[in-house]
Amino acid sequence: MGRLKKLAGQTIVYGGTTIVGRLLNYLLVPFHTYIFLNPQSYGVVGEMYAWSALLLVILTYGMETAYFRYMRSDTAEENRKKVFSTSMLSLITTSVLFIILGLTFSQQIANLLKYPDNPEYVRWFVIIAGLDAICSIPFARLRNENRALRFATIKITNILINIFFNIFFLWFCPLMIKNGVGTSFFSAIYKPEIGVGYIFIANLIASCCQFVLLIFSVKFGKLYFDNNLLKKMLKYAFPLLILGLAGVVNESLDRILVKNLSSPDTNIAMHNLGVYSACFKISVIMTLFIQAFRYSAEPFFFSIYKDKDAKEGYAVVMTYFVIVCTIIFLGTMLYIDYIKYFVSKPYHEGLIIVPFLLLANMMLGIVYNLSIWYKMNDKTKYGAYITIGGAVITLILNFILLPRIGYLGAAITHFCTYLFMMLASYFLGQKYYPVPYNLKKIGFYCLLSIILFIISYFLIPFDKFGSHEAVFKIIINTIILGFYLLIIYKKEFRTVKSLSKTM
């Protein structure tokens, strides 16, 4: 249990970096939605980043996790060098080939995406995806070597550069032109017709800078290729690629399907996509915590798998992970009437999807915890089966629900998909690698947080109050949240105190 202290410390370092970085990055969401008041414009952003997520999974093809697997603490130093070198050369080769092909056929791809007048979108994202794929192994090396400060510096620098150029292109340049300051200079840089394209240009500049920073921050040494090692890594990683592809279907395909299934009218469909994409971002609070947890948890889980009390450690981590997630869920929904201003008013019609997405993300986080059994025992094919099953549910339910109830159907699909994956991961895991999870306690906190939210909602539904009810509602909801935190304190104080003594 002493190593839980190490996990907590790494979660603070990586988590702090991730949360601060993601918060800075997600501040662009209100910036964009308050600039692009027409959801149709923001719909383009949602779709292009959905495709980008798919590309990144394909281009990394599970090599990041394979890298951690073959860089375990019991691996000899010489072999560790081979692992880094081989995985690095493999990703460089495939990414460069992808960039060449993507640039060559950018117009044809743009035609397929129904953006025939904007092939530059494809070119920009091809380069972004290729560079980000190459960067994945150097970042993994920084994590594996516990070089958290360097990792954090590069990540935050990337985000700050992205934010700077978003503000520069979308706010500063138009402001200077409007005020007649340096008109000729800024008019040469800023073209209003590019519109949301400046979001992609800013991302491209940031990715290029990140690539350069990593080159000078990671000691590559002499790179040499081990074909036999690559075969082993690919064999381990291939199920993870399938898992990743199915996972990105579960996570991002809805943006593409909303565009194509929610309405036969293209303008309405793009409006729906813009609203859905913006409100999807409100659930970022849960996503931030889960992402921060994953950065530190995966190396931690691998490092203790041979310990005699590893399973007990996994169980404790799961319990407190769920507790934090329920606090995030309840806190977000109790104050949704204020959090909704994270996006501009034209997007508020989509708030109904937020509770479904928060709970779906919590279950996805639980799946990440449960996945340790097949990663530790080289049974990654089971992870692929589970995620493929989720992808099948995603496709079936979206095709059924989107034409009938619009983007709400996509949110409900998210919930159902991750519920299935969570249950499948648990029951299979208990068969092959039983961990004594405290289901009674986990179930209690999940159910209580949902019940408290429902009570609050039926007192005064969100977005349905006037000025007089607003004060009353915030008082009631604060009492509800305080009550929940008090229950957690009463039930967990002794356990946390005893754990802290063992650390």
Foldseek 3Di string as FASTA:
>chain_A
DVCVVVLVVLLCLLLVLLLVLVVLLLLVLQVQQVLCVQLLLLLVVQQLVLVLLLLLLVLLLQLLLLLLVQCAPPHDPVSNLQSLLASLVVSLVSLVVQLVVQVVCLQVVCVVLVNNVCSVSSNLSSLLSSLVSSCSSLLSVCLLVVVSVLNSVLSNQLSVQLSVQCCCARPVLVVCCVVVHPVVVSCVVYDVVCPCVSNSVSNSVSSVVSSVSSVVVDDSDDRDHDPVVVVVSSVLSNLVSLLSNLVSLLVRVLSVLLQVAQDPDNSVSSSLSSLLSSLLCLLVLLVSSLVSSVSSVSSSLSRCVPPPCSLVVLQVVLLVLLLVLLLSLLVCLLVVLPSVSSHDDSNSVPNVLNSLSSLLSSLVSLLSSLVSQCSNVSNSNLSSVLSNVLSVLQVVQSNVPSHPPNCSSNSNSSNVSSVSSSVSSQVVCCVRPNGPHPCVSSVVSNVLSVVLSVVLCVVPNHPGDDPVVVVVSSVVSVVSSVVSVVVCCVVCVVVVVVVVVVD
